[in-house]
């Protein structure tokens, strides 16, 4: 039988021809010799390969490794070992070396060129990674170094798998000149092309100065380690020379600065081991790419579990604060979740958790901080989070207790209108399932912005403690009944009476339901099962996107 796997048998004539044509190939094989001139064989070549690989894996010297550990930092390969499943790493271009000359570079051509690239698995799922090796050229980026990163980024995008960068580099390799800068441009372009297609995670484990800091800012999540990682465009020396201000590297761009003040870092940890373990946990919450859903895990927490604690967590007095974290813990599977930007813009909570094993994004006002108002930072934080959830098919659940936007000259002058519109745009543009739950206050424009029914929430629920209104009763009464109060014989008694009247007529818990602004008022103890049922129904939601090149969101 003849076929692809069964070629026809050769006749005596063709067999002889085959033998004759093989002779030149044999002769060429014999011209390949070993180092001593003897014919090389597979054993010799394989031994040579192992020696070269050992040199590449071992790095420049034991002294360089000891110096890295003395700084309180792991080596690039140790970090990759913590990130990926044991034995899963497959390195790419391990034997790559630079081709630069000048400034003594021609005499220093180590394997890997200071960056380790490849792929492996995290909990069995493919993840691509590159890690700067600070022991080689201080992890500085040169032409070959950049080309390796470009290649692994292209591979990640083509394969549709997350990309994790383990950053510990001294910036551009100055000795190589402008080619190093062009290498950064290639990284930035690929970060942008991959945005919203595959998850990109930057882990800062050392210095990141100058233009190099823009790559982490273009990715979805930034992790930092206290004391050992810093990010800034201009370092302390330049700041002092230009402005006269003196500051340390950590004071200028350390982990706490970016986790609490600038909002550049989403997570900050005390050591590399914890940091990388949390990267693995985050990956378990994310899909491989924008065409997939996050992994759904088996759940032992009953779908119909009812929490009596929810009846007491939210005070009836609207002026009393409470911790929204406790509400979230009562609702989610086993009370477990990962908070994003935990220490920045604390008046709003953004978190990833699970309901009946399905990943959901949680956006919630936090009454314990600034009474849960929306301000510039909170709007930016929530807007970016909603956009991330929408990009990666993660449903968004919004828990409302918002008295409005933060008033003040500073907020207005810094552009609260523009920044608040970012959150409005993010919600309106999102096509994933969107569910809102009003716990208590929902006032004015902030209520509309926080994924109200009118801007496209798929389902809107409320607890019987809800207060949905244009503004608080006190403020409304002072405006509506200003003259009546002013001309009253007892202004304070009149004001109190009119406030009570306003609450009774326009802020009672069923007013919004009567006008079709909420879909149902639910028993707080039924919150978990209500949200799970809604997510289950909306799992097959499909929305055809508007045909356009892209929107023009407020910036």
Protein backbone atom coordinates (compact mmCIF):
# COMPACT_ATOMS: atom_id res chain seq x y z
CA UNK A 1 0.00 0.00 0.00
CA UNK A 2 1.34 3.41 -0.94
CA UNK A 3 0.79 6.56 1.12
CA UNK A 4 2.44 9.23 3.23
CA UNK A 5 3.51 6.72 5.85
CA UNK A 6 4.07 3.87 3.38
CA UNK A 7 6.39 4.90 0.50
CA UNK A 8 6.75 2.48 -2.44
CA UNK A 9 9.44 -0.14 -2.16
CA UNK A 10 12.59 0.63 -4.18
CA UNK A 11 13.55 -1.58 -7.09
CA UNK A 12 17.07 -2.98 -7.36
CA UNK A 13 17.98 -0.15 -9.74
CA UNK A 14 16.63 2.63 -7.56
CA UNK A 15 18.15 1.05 -4.48
CA UNK A 16 21.55 1.16 -6.09
CA UNK A 17 21.04 4.79 -7.05
CA UNK A 18 20.17 5.54 -3.45
CA UNK A 19 23.46 4.04 -2.24
CA UNK A 20 25.48 6.04 -4.74
CA UNK A 21 23.88 9.37 -3.81
CA UNK A 22 24.54 8.74 -0.13
CA UNK A 23 28.31 8.73 -0.55
CA UNK A 24 28.83 12.52 -0.78
CA UNK A 25 26.69 13.07 2.36
CA UNK A 26 28.86 10.63 4.29
CA UNK A 27 31.98 12.39 3.15
CA UNK A 28 30.66 15.78 4.29
CA UNK A 29 29.76 14.35 7.70
CA UNK A 30 33.35 13.20 8.18
CA UNK A 31 34.70 16.72 7.65
CA UNK A 32 33.05 17.87 10.93
CA UNK A 33 35.74 17.40 13.54
CA UNK A 34 36.17 17.83 17.24
CA UNK A 35 38.51 20.32 18.94
CA UNK A 36 41.53 18.06 18.41
CA UNK A 37 40.85 17.39 14.75
CA UNK A 38 39.28 13.99 15.38
CA UNK A 39 35.82 13.25 13.94
CA UNK A 40 33.15 14.59 16.31
CA UNK A 41 30.35 12.37 17.47
CA UNK A 42 27.05 12.97 19.22
CA UNK A 43 28.53 12.15 22.62
CA UNK A 44 31.29 14.74 22.28
CA UNK A 45 28.99 17.42 20.94
CA UNK A 46 26.42 16.74 23.64
CA UNK A 47 29.08 17.00 26.31
CA UNK A 48 30.19 20.31 24.85
CA UNK A 49 26.57 21.50 24.81
CA UNK A 50 26.12 20.64 28.47
CA UNK A 51 29.27 22.55 29.36
CA UNK A 52 28.10 25.64 27.47
CA UNK A 53 24.65 25.44 29.04
CA UNK A 54 26.15 25.09 32.50
CA UNK A 55 28.11 28.27 31.87
CA UNK A 56 24.97 30.10 30.73
CA UNK A 57 22.92 28.87 33.68
CA UNK A 58 25.63 29.48 36.26
CA UNK A 59 26.00 33.13 35.40
CA UNK A 60 29.14 35.25 35.48
CA UNK A 61 30.55 34.10 38.84
CA UNK A 62 29.74 32.84 42.29
CA UNK A 63 30.88 36.21 43.62
CA UNK A 64 28.21 37.98 41.55
CA UNK A 65 25.56 35.62 42.92
CA UNK A 66 26.71 36.25 46.49
CA UNK A 67 26.55 40.01 45.88
CA UNK A 68 22.97 39.68 44.62
CA UNK A 69 21.98 37.71 47.71
CA UNK A 70 23.77 40.24 49.93
CA UNK A 71 21.43 42.91 48.57
CA UNK A 72 18.51 40.84 49.83
CA UNK A 73 17.57 39.81 46.30
CA UNK A 74 17.22 36.50 44.51
CA UNK A 75 18.81 35.72 41.17
CA UNK A 76 16.76 35.77 37.99
CA UNK A 77 16.63 31.97 37.78
CA UNK A 78 15.65 31.64 41.43
CA UNK A 79 12.77 34.02 40.80
CA UNK A 80 11.60 32.09 37.76
CA UNK A 81 11.76 28.93 39.87
CA UNK A 82 9.38 30.49 42.39
CA UNK A 83 6.99 31.74 39.73
CA UNK A 84 6.61 28.64 37.56
CA UNK A 85 5.61 25.08 38.34
CA UNK A 86 8.63 22.95 39.19
CA UNK A 87 10.44 21.65 36.12
CA UNK A 88 8.18 23.44 33.64
CA UNK A 89 10.50 26.23 32.46
CA UNK A 90 11.61 26.12 28.82
CA UNK A 91 14.24 28.74 28.07
CA UNK A 92 14.50 30.59 24.76
CA UNK A 93 17.76 31.98 23.33
CA UNK A 94 19.82 30.91 26.30
CA UNK A 95 23.02 31.13 24.28
CA UNK A 96 22.33 34.59 22.83
CA UNK A 97 25.23 37.05 23.13
CA UNK A 98 25.57 40.69 22.16
CA UNK A 99 27.59 41.78 19.12
CA UNK A 100 28.50 45.28 20.32
CA UNK A 101 32.03 46.63 20.26
CA UNK A 102 33.73 49.52 21.98
CA UNK A 103 34.16 50.41 25.65
CA UNK A 104 35.49 46.88 26.21
CA UNK A 105 32.21 45.18 25.31
CA UNK A 106 33.88 42.94 22.74
CA UNK A 107 35.73 41.25 25.61
CA UNK A 108 32.57 40.76 27.69
CA UNK A 109 30.03 38.63 25.85
CA UNK A 110 28.24 36.50 28.46
CA UNK A 111 25.51 34.08 27.46
CA UNK A 112 21.89 35.29 27.89
CA UNK A 113 23.09 38.92 27.62
CA UNK A 114 21.56 39.68 30.98
CA UNK A 115 17.97 38.57 30.45
CA UNK A 116 16.42 35.11 30.77
CA UNK A 117 13.39 34.44 28.59
CA UNK A 118 11.07 31.48 28.11
CA UNK A 119 7.82 29.91 29.14
CA UNK A 120 6.48 27.45 31.68
CA UNK A 121 3.30 26.78 33.59
CA UNK A 122 1.54 28.15 36.66
CA UNK A 123 -0.92 25.58 38.01
CA UNK A 124 -0.62 23.81 34.68
CA UNK A 125 -1.45 26.87 32.55
CA UNK A 126 1.09 28.37 30.14
CA UNK A 127 2.82 31.60 31.19
CA UNK A 128 5.61 33.45 29.38
CA UNK A 129 8.30 35.20 31.39
CA UNK A 130 11.40 37.31 31.09
CA UNK A 131 13.71 38.12 33.98
CA UNK A 132 16.55 40.62 34.09
CA UNK A 133 19.77 39.15 35.45
CA UNK A 134 21.33 41.92 37.52
CA UNK A 135 24.59 39.97 37.72
CA UNK A 136 25.23 40.63 34.02
CA UNK A 137 25.72 44.29 33.07
CA UNK A 138 23.47 45.21 36.00
CA UNK A 139 20.52 43.89 34.00
CA UNK A 140 20.93 46.85 31.64
CA UNK A 141 19.16 46.62 28.31
CA UNK A 142 21.21 46.37 25.12
CA UNK A 143 20.31 45.45 21.55
CA UNK A 144 20.48 41.65 21.93
CA UNK A 145 18.87 41.86 25.37
CA UNK A 146 15.96 43.86 23.94
CA UNK A 147 15.57 41.55 20.95
CA UNK A 148 15.16 38.59 23.30
CA UNK A 149 12.42 40.42 25.18
CA UNK A 150 10.72 41.39 21.92
CA UNK A 151 10.70 37.76 20.84
CA UNK A 152 9.18 36.39 24.04
CA UNK A 153 6.55 39.15 24.01
CA UNK A 154 5.64 38.23 20.45
CA UNK A 155 5.45 34.56 21.42
CA UNK A 156 3.15 35.33 24.36
CA UNK A 157 0.80 37.35 22.19
CA UNK A 158 0.80 34.72 19.45
CA UNK A 159 0.17 31.89 21.91
CA UNK A 160 -2.48 33.85 23.79
CA UNK A 161 -0.90 33.41 27.22
CA UNK A 162 -0.02 35.80 30.09
CA UNK A 163 3.34 37.57 30.19
CA UNK A 164 5.18 38.18 33.46
CA UNK A 165 8.26 40.41 33.58
CA UNK A 166 10.63 40.11 36.54
CA UNK A 167 12.35 43.49 36.47
CA UNK A 168 15.73 44.15 38.03
CA UNK A 169 17.73 46.28 35.62
CA UNK A 170 19.81 49.43 35.53
CA UNK A 171 18.09 50.93 32.50
CA UNK A 172 19.62 51.30 29.06
CA UNK A 173 23.12 49.94 28.39
CA UNK A 174 24.84 53.25 27.79
CA UNK A 175 27.83 51.67 26.04
CA UNK A 176 25.58 50.53 23.19
CA UNK A 177 24.13 53.98 22.53
CA UNK A 178 20.83 54.63 20.78
CA UNK A 179 20.23 51.00 19.83
CA UNK A 180 19.38 50.36 23.49
CA UNK A 181 16.81 53.16 23.42
CA UNK A 182 15.25 51.69 20.29
CA UNK A 183 14.96 48.43 22.18
CA UNK A 184 12.77 50.13 24.77
CA UNK A 185 10.58 51.50 22.01
CA UNK A 186 9.99 47.97 20.77
CA UNK A 187 8.97 46.86 24.27
CA UNK A 188 6.55 49.76 24.70
CA UNK A 189 4.93 49.08 21.34
CA UNK A 190 4.44 45.42 22.19
CA UNK A 191 3.05 46.28 25.64
CA UNK A 192 0.48 48.45 23.91
CA UNK A 193 -0.41 45.87 21.24
CA UNK A 194 -0.89 43.19 23.88
CA UNK A 195 -2.97 45.44 26.16
CA UNK A 196 -6.39 43.93 26.67
CA UNK A 197 -5.41 40.80 24.72
CA UNK A 198 -3.24 38.91 27.22
CA UNK A 199 -2.68 39.67 30.91
CA UNK A 200 0.62 41.51 31.45
CA UNK A 201 2.14 41.58 34.93
CA UNK A 202 5.23 43.55 35.93
CA UNK A 203 7.12 42.49 39.05
CA UNK A 204 9.58 45.12 40.24
CA UNK A 205 12.44 43.46 42.11
CA UNK A 206 15.12 46.11 41.75
CA UNK A 207 15.65 49.57 40.30
CA UNK A 208 13.67 50.75 37.28
CA UNK A 209 14.75 54.21 36.17
CA UNK A 210 14.18 56.49 33.22
CA UNK A 211 12.20 55.39 30.22
CA UNK A 212 12.27 51.79 31.44
CA UNK A 213 9.58 52.71 33.97
CA UNK A 214 7.04 53.23 31.21
CA UNK A 215 6.80 49.52 30.38
CA UNK A 216 5.40 48.53 33.81
CA UNK A 217 2.98 51.46 33.62
CA UNK A 218 1.62 50.03 30.36
CA UNK A 219 0.92 46.62 31.88
CA UNK A 220 -2.16 45.45 33.77
CA UNK A 221 -0.62 44.95 37.21
CA UNK A 222 2.53 46.16 38.96
CA UNK A 223 4.02 44.34 41.98
CA UNK A 224 6.81 45.85 44.11
CA UNK A 225 9.00 44.76 47.03
CA UNK A 226 9.73 47.17 49.84
CA UNK A 227 13.29 48.46 50.27
CA UNK A 228 14.68 46.72 47.17
CA UNK A 229 12.53 47.99 44.28
CA UNK A 230 12.19 51.55 43.04
CA UNK A 231 10.65 53.24 40.01
CA UNK A 232 11.21 56.81 38.85
CA UNK A 233 11.80 58.77 35.66
CA UNK A 234 14.55 60.97 37.13
CA UNK A 235 16.58 59.77 40.10
CA UNK A 236 17.45 61.58 43.33
CA UNK A 237 20.66 63.08 41.90
CA UNK A 238 18.84 64.68 38.98
CA UNK A 239 16.05 65.90 41.24
CA UNK A 240 18.61 67.57 43.51
CA UNK A 241 20.47 69.14 40.59
CA UNK A 242 17.33 70.59 39.03
CA UNK A 243 15.14 71.46 42.02
CA UNK A 244 17.51 71.42 44.98
CA UNK A 245 15.34 68.84 46.74
CA UNK A 246 17.10 66.00 48.54
CA UNK A 247 15.42 62.61 48.73
CA UNK A 248 16.35 58.93 48.88
CA UNK A 249 15.55 56.41 46.16
CA UNK A 250 12.84 54.80 48.29
CA UNK A 251 11.46 58.18 49.27
CA UNK A 252 11.23 59.16 45.62
CA UNK A 253 9.97 55.95 44.05
CA UNK A 254 9.89 53.09 46.53
CA UNK A 255 7.17 50.50 46.91
CA UNK A 256 5.20 52.38 49.56
CA UNK A 257 5.29 55.60 47.54
CA UNK A 258 3.79 53.91 44.49
CA UNK A 259 1.35 51.76 46.47
CA UNK A 260 -0.01 54.62 48.60
CA UNK A 261 0.64 57.94 46.86
CA UNK A 262 1.12 57.66 43.11
CA UNK A 263 -1.01 54.59 42.46
CA UNK A 264 1.57 53.15 40.05
CA UNK A 265 1.92 49.92 42.06
CA UNK A 266 -1.08 47.68 42.62
CA UNK A 267 0.66 45.51 45.23
CA UNK A 268 3.58 45.93 47.66
CA UNK A 269 5.16 43.18 49.77
CA UNK A 270 8.01 42.81 52.24
CA UNK A 271 9.92 40.05 50.44
CA UNK A 272 10.30 38.50 47.01
CA UNK A 273 8.95 35.09 47.98
CA UNK A 274 5.61 36.51 49.14
CA UNK A 275 5.45 38.85 46.17
CA UNK A 276 5.93 36.10 43.59
CA UNK A 277 3.50 33.79 45.42
CA UNK A 278 0.86 36.52 45.09
CA UNK A 279 1.60 36.81 41.37
CA UNK A 280 0.74 33.12 41.06
CA UNK A 281 -2.48 33.74 43.00
CA UNK A 282 -3.43 36.63 40.73
CA UNK A 283 -2.83 34.49 37.64
CA UNK A 284 -5.31 31.95 39.03
CA UNK A 285 -7.97 34.69 38.81
CA UNK A 286 -7.23 35.68 35.21
CA UNK A 287 -7.96 34.06 31.85
CA UNK A 288 -5.20 33.17 29.43
CA UNK A 289 -6.39 35.85 27.01
CA UNK A 290 -9.34 38.01 26.03
CA UNK A 291 -11.09 35.14 24.24
CA UNK A 292 -11.29 32.96 27.33
CA UNK A 293 -12.93 33.10 30.76
CA UNK A 294 -11.06 32.95 34.07
CA UNK A 295 -10.74 29.45 35.54
CA UNK A 296 -13.81 28.31 37.45
CA UNK A 297 -12.95 26.31 40.55
CA UNK A 298 -14.99 23.80 42.54
CA UNK A 299 -16.70 25.53 45.45
CA UNK A 300 -17.58 23.98 48.80
CA UNK A 301 -19.23 27.18 50.03
CA UNK A 302 -22.99 26.66 49.48
CA UNK A 303 -24.62 28.80 46.81
CA UNK A 304 -27.58 29.40 49.11
CA UNK A 305 -25.57 30.23 52.22
CA UNK A 306 -27.33 33.03 54.06
CA UNK A 307 -25.39 35.42 56.24
CA UNK A 308 -27.27 36.82 59.21
CA UNK A 309 -24.28 39.07 59.90
CA UNK A 310 -25.23 41.26 56.94
CA UNK A 311 -28.28 42.47 58.87
CA UNK A 312 -26.04 44.16 61.45
CA UNK A 313 -22.99 45.28 59.47
CA UNK A 314 -24.56 48.36 57.86
CA UNK A 315 -25.78 50.97 60.41
CA UNK A 316 -29.22 52.45 59.88
CA UNK A 317 -27.78 55.89 60.61
CA UNK A 318 -26.41 57.06 57.27
CA UNK A 319 -23.74 59.16 58.98
CA UNK A 320 -22.15 56.19 60.75
CA UNK A 321 -19.25 54.48 58.96
CA UNK A 322 -18.65 50.74 58.65
CA UNK A 323 -16.08 48.51 56.97
CA UNK A 324 -17.21 47.40 53.51
CA UNK A 325 -14.57 44.65 53.60
CA UNK A 326 -16.74 42.76 56.08
CA UNK A 327 -19.68 42.87 53.68
CA UNK A 328 -17.53 41.56 50.84
CA UNK A 329 -16.19 38.73 53.00
CA UNK A 330 -19.72 37.61 53.89
CA UNK A 331 -20.74 37.44 50.23
CA UNK A 332 -17.78 35.83 48.44
CA UNK A 333 -16.73 32.18 48.47
CA UNK A 334 -15.09 31.43 51.82
CA UNK A 335 -14.60 35.17 52.36
CA UNK A 336 -11.52 35.06 50.12
CA UNK A 337 -10.53 37.79 47.67
CA UNK A 338 -7.54 39.70 46.29
CA UNK A 339 -7.74 43.46 46.73
CA UNK A 340 -6.21 45.65 44.02
CA UNK A 341 -4.63 48.98 45.05
CA UNK A 342 -5.42 48.20 48.68
CA UNK A 343 -3.54 51.21 50.03
CA UNK A 344 -4.28 53.81 47.35
CA UNK A 345 -7.61 55.67 47.11
CA UNK A 346 -8.98 53.75 50.09
CA UNK A 347 -12.42 55.32 49.76
CA UNK A 348 -13.16 52.75 47.06
CA UNK A 349 -12.42 49.02 47.06
CA UNK A 350 -11.48 47.05 43.95
CA UNK A 351 -11.03 43.30 44.33
CA UNK A 352 -11.12 39.97 42.54
CA UNK A 353 -13.00 37.15 44.22
CA UNK A 354 -15.23 34.19 43.44
CA UNK A 355 -18.94 33.47 43.67
CA UNK A 356 -19.76 29.77 43.33
CA UNK A 357 -16.28 29.31 41.87
CA UNK A 358 -16.71 31.98 39.18
CA UNK A 359 -14.33 34.97 39.24
CA UNK A 360 -15.95 38.38 39.63
CA UNK A 361 -14.62 41.90 40.00
CA UNK A 362 -15.89 43.83 43.01
CA UNK A 363 -16.12 47.63 43.06
CA UNK A 364 -17.38 49.01 46.38
CA UNK A 365 -17.51 52.34 48.16
CA UNK A 366 -15.74 52.29 51.53
CA UNK A 367 -17.62 54.37 54.14
CA UNK A 368 -14.66 54.12 56.52
CA UNK A 369 -12.56 56.37 54.26
CA UNK A 370 -13.86 59.83 53.32
CA UNK A 371 -17.37 58.48 53.90
CA UNK A 372 -17.04 56.54 50.65
CA UNK A 373 -17.22 59.61 48.40
CA UNK A 374 -15.82 59.56 44.88
CA UNK A 375 -12.79 61.77 44.29
CA UNK A 376 -10.14 61.98 41.58
CA UNK A 377 -8.04 59.05 42.78
CA UNK A 378 -11.02 56.78 43.50
CA UNK A 379 -12.47 57.47 40.06
CA UNK A 380 -9.18 56.63 38.34
CA UNK A 381 -8.67 53.49 40.41
CA UNK A 382 -12.13 52.10 39.75
CA UNK A 383 -12.12 53.09 36.06
CA UNK A 384 -8.91 51.20 35.34
CA UNK A 385 -10.18 48.18 37.26
CA UNK A 386 -13.49 48.08 35.38
CA UNK A 387 -11.63 48.34 32.07
CA UNK A 388 -9.38 45.43 33.06
CA UNK A 389 -12.37 43.29 34.03
CA UNK A 390 -14.11 44.09 30.77
CA UNK A 391 -11.01 43.24 28.73
CA UNK A 392 -10.65 39.82 30.35
CA UNK A 393 -14.28 38.71 30.58
CA UNK A 394 -14.65 39.21 34.32
CA UNK A 395 -18.17 40.20 35.49
CA UNK A 396 -18.36 43.36 37.59
CA UNK A 397 -20.39 43.59 40.80
CA UNK A 398 -20.76 47.10 42.24
CA UNK A 399 -21.68 47.65 45.90
CA UNK A 400 -22.96 51.18 46.45
CA UNK A 401 -22.94 53.35 49.52
CA UNK A 402 -21.94 56.69 48.04
CA UNK A 403 -22.94 60.15 49.30
CA UNK A 404 -21.61 61.94 46.21
CA UNK A 405 -18.42 63.40 44.78
CA UNK A 406 -15.91 65.04 47.11
CA UNK A 407 -16.52 68.81 47.09
CA UNK A 408 -13.67 71.29 47.21
CA UNK A 409 -11.62 73.81 45.27
CA UNK A 410 -8.67 71.42 44.96
CA UNK A 411 -10.81 68.69 43.40
CA UNK A 412 -12.44 71.07 40.94
CA UNK A 413 -9.16 72.68 39.90
CA UNK A 414 -7.46 69.30 39.44
CA UNK A 415 -10.24 68.15 37.14
CA UNK A 416 -12.74 66.04 39.07
CA UNK A 417 -15.14 66.42 36.14
CA UNK A 418 -12.67 64.86 33.73
CA UNK A 419 -11.48 62.17 36.12
CA UNK A 420 -14.97 61.29 37.29
CA UNK A 421 -15.95 60.89 33.65
CA UNK A 422 -13.30 58.16 33.32
CA UNK A 423 -15.29 55.90 35.62
CA UNK A 424 -18.52 56.77 33.84
CA UNK A 425 -16.92 55.95 30.49
CA UNK A 426 -15.47 52.66 31.77
CA UNK A 427 -18.84 51.42 33.00
CA UNK A 428 -20.77 52.57 29.93
CA UNK A 429 -18.21 50.93 27.65
CA UNK A 430 -18.09 47.59 29.50
CA UNK A 431 -19.85 44.64 27.87
CA UNK A 432 -19.30 42.03 30.59
CA UNK A 433 -22.14 41.16 33.00
CA UNK A 434 -22.72 44.11 35.34
CA UNK A 435 -24.68 43.83 38.58
CA UNK A 436 -25.23 46.63 41.07
CA UNK A 437 -26.34 46.39 44.69
CA UNK A 438 -27.29 49.51 46.67
CA UNK A 439 -26.67 48.98 50.38
CA UNK A 440 -27.44 52.40 51.76
CA UNK A 441 -26.72 55.82 50.22
CA UNK A 442 -26.87 56.41 46.48
CA UNK A 443 -26.86 60.15 45.96
CA UNK A 444 -26.66 62.39 42.92
CA UNK A 445 -24.22 62.05 40.06
CA UNK A 446 -22.08 59.59 42.02
CA UNK A 447 -25.02 57.18 42.11
CA UNK A 448 -25.42 57.44 38.34
CA UNK A 449 -21.68 56.93 37.74
CA UNK A 450 -21.48 53.85 40.00
CA UNK A 451 -23.08 51.59 37.39
CA UNK A 452 -26.69 52.61 37.83
CA UNK A 453 -29.42 51.04 35.73
CA UNK A 454 -29.56 54.13 33.52
CA UNK A 455 -25.98 53.66 32.27
CA UNK A 456 -26.44 50.01 31.44
CA UNK A 457 -26.20 47.80 34.51
CA UNK A 458 -27.77 44.45 33.62
CA UNK A 459 -29.39 44.05 37.03
CA UNK A 460 -29.76 46.50 39.90
CA UNK A 461 -30.67 45.33 43.39
CA UNK A 462 -31.06 47.17 46.67
CA UNK A 463 -31.31 46.37 50.34
CA UNK A 464 -34.31 47.76 52.24
CA UNK A 465 -31.87 50.22 53.85
CA UNK A 466 -31.30 51.99 50.51
CA UNK A 467 -31.56 55.76 50.14
CA UNK A 468 -31.60 56.73 46.46
CA UNK A 469 -31.91 60.46 45.90
CA UNK A 470 -30.55 63.50 44.12
CA UNK A 471 -28.83 64.46 47.36
CA UNK A 472 -29.12 63.98 51.11
CA UNK A 473 -32.33 65.06 52.77
CA UNK A 474 -30.68 67.86 54.75
CA UNK A 475 -29.15 69.48 51.69
CA UNK A 476 -32.28 69.00 49.62
CA UNK A 477 -34.53 70.55 52.27
CA UNK A 478 -32.25 73.57 52.64
CA UNK A 479 -32.49 74.21 48.90
CA UNK A 480 -36.12 73.36 48.18
CA UNK A 481 -37.58 74.94 51.30
CA UNK A 482 -35.06 77.74 51.82
CA UNK A 483 -37.62 80.55 51.95
CA UNK A 484 -40.13 78.56 53.96
CA UNK A 485 -37.49 77.83 56.59
CA UNK A 486 -36.23 81.42 56.61
CA UNK A 487 -39.70 82.90 57.21
CA UNK A 488 -40.69 80.34 59.83
CA UNK A 489 -41.19 81.33 63.46
CA UNK A 490 -39.09 78.30 64.42
CA UNK A 491 -36.61 77.65 61.56
CA UNK A 492 -34.97 74.63 63.20
CA UNK A 493 -38.24 72.87 63.90
CA UNK A 494 -39.49 73.68 60.41
CA UNK A 495 -36.27 72.39 58.86
CA UNK A 496 -36.48 69.14 60.85
CA UNK A 497 -40.10 68.65 59.79
CA UNK A 498 -39.34 69.29 56.11
CA UNK A 499 -36.30 66.99 56.17
CA UNK A 500 -38.49 64.22 57.55
CA UNK A 501 -41.11 64.96 54.89
CA UNK A 502 -38.51 64.78 52.11
CA UNK A 503 -37.22 61.45 53.40
CA UNK A 504 -40.73 60.05 53.64
CA UNK A 505 -41.84 61.13 50.19
CA UNK A 506 -38.69 60.87 48.06
CA UNK A 507 -36.16 58.71 49.92
CA UNK A 508 -38.18 55.77 51.20
CA UNK A 509 -36.69 52.41 50.15
CA UNK A 510 -39.45 51.59 47.66
CA UNK A 511 -39.52 54.89 45.78
CA UNK A 512 -36.87 53.84 43.23
CA UNK A 513 -38.47 50.41 42.81
CA UNK A 514 -41.83 52.02 42.09
CA UNK A 515 -40.18 54.05 39.32
CA UNK A 516 -38.42 51.05 37.80
CA UNK A 517 -34.92 52.22 38.74
CA UNK A 518 -34.05 49.00 40.56
CA UNK A 519 -35.01 45.45 39.67
CA UNK A 520 -35.64 44.13 43.16
CA UNK A 521 -35.29 44.92 46.84
CA UNK A 522 -33.75 41.90 48.52
CA UNK A 523 -33.31 40.56 52.02
CA UNK A 524 -29.63 41.25 52.88
CA UNK A 525 -29.20 37.66 54.04
CA UNK A 526 -30.08 36.50 50.51
CA UNK A 527 -27.37 38.60 48.86
CA UNK A 528 -24.98 35.77 48.01
CA UNK A 529 -27.54 33.51 46.35
CA UNK A 530 -29.10 36.47 44.51
CA UNK A 531 -25.76 37.51 43.00
CA UNK A 532 -24.85 33.93 42.07
CA UNK A 533 -28.19 33.43 40.34
CA UNK A 534 -27.70 36.67 38.42
CA UNK A 535 -24.16 35.72 37.35
CA UNK A 536 -25.38 32.31 36.20
CA UNK A 537 -28.09 33.87 34.07
CA UNK A 538 -25.74 36.48 32.59
CA UNK A 539 -22.96 34.02 31.78
CA UNK A 540 -24.13 33.80 28.16
CA UNK A 541 -24.58 37.56 27.79
CA UNK A 542 -23.49 38.78 24.37
CA UNK A 543 -23.17 42.38 23.24
CA UNK A 544 -22.12 43.36 19.74
CA UNK A 545 -19.55 46.15 20.06
CA UNK A 546 -20.14 49.45 18.33
CA UNK A 547 -18.27 49.56 15.03
CA UNK A 548 -15.54 52.14 15.50
CA UNK A 549 -11.78 52.35 15.43
CA UNK A 550 -11.70 53.16 19.14
CA UNK A 551 -13.37 55.49 21.58
CA UNK A 552 -11.90 58.75 22.83
CA UNK A 553 -12.20 58.45 26.62
CA UNK A 554 -11.42 61.35 28.97
CA UNK A 555 -7.76 61.33 30.00
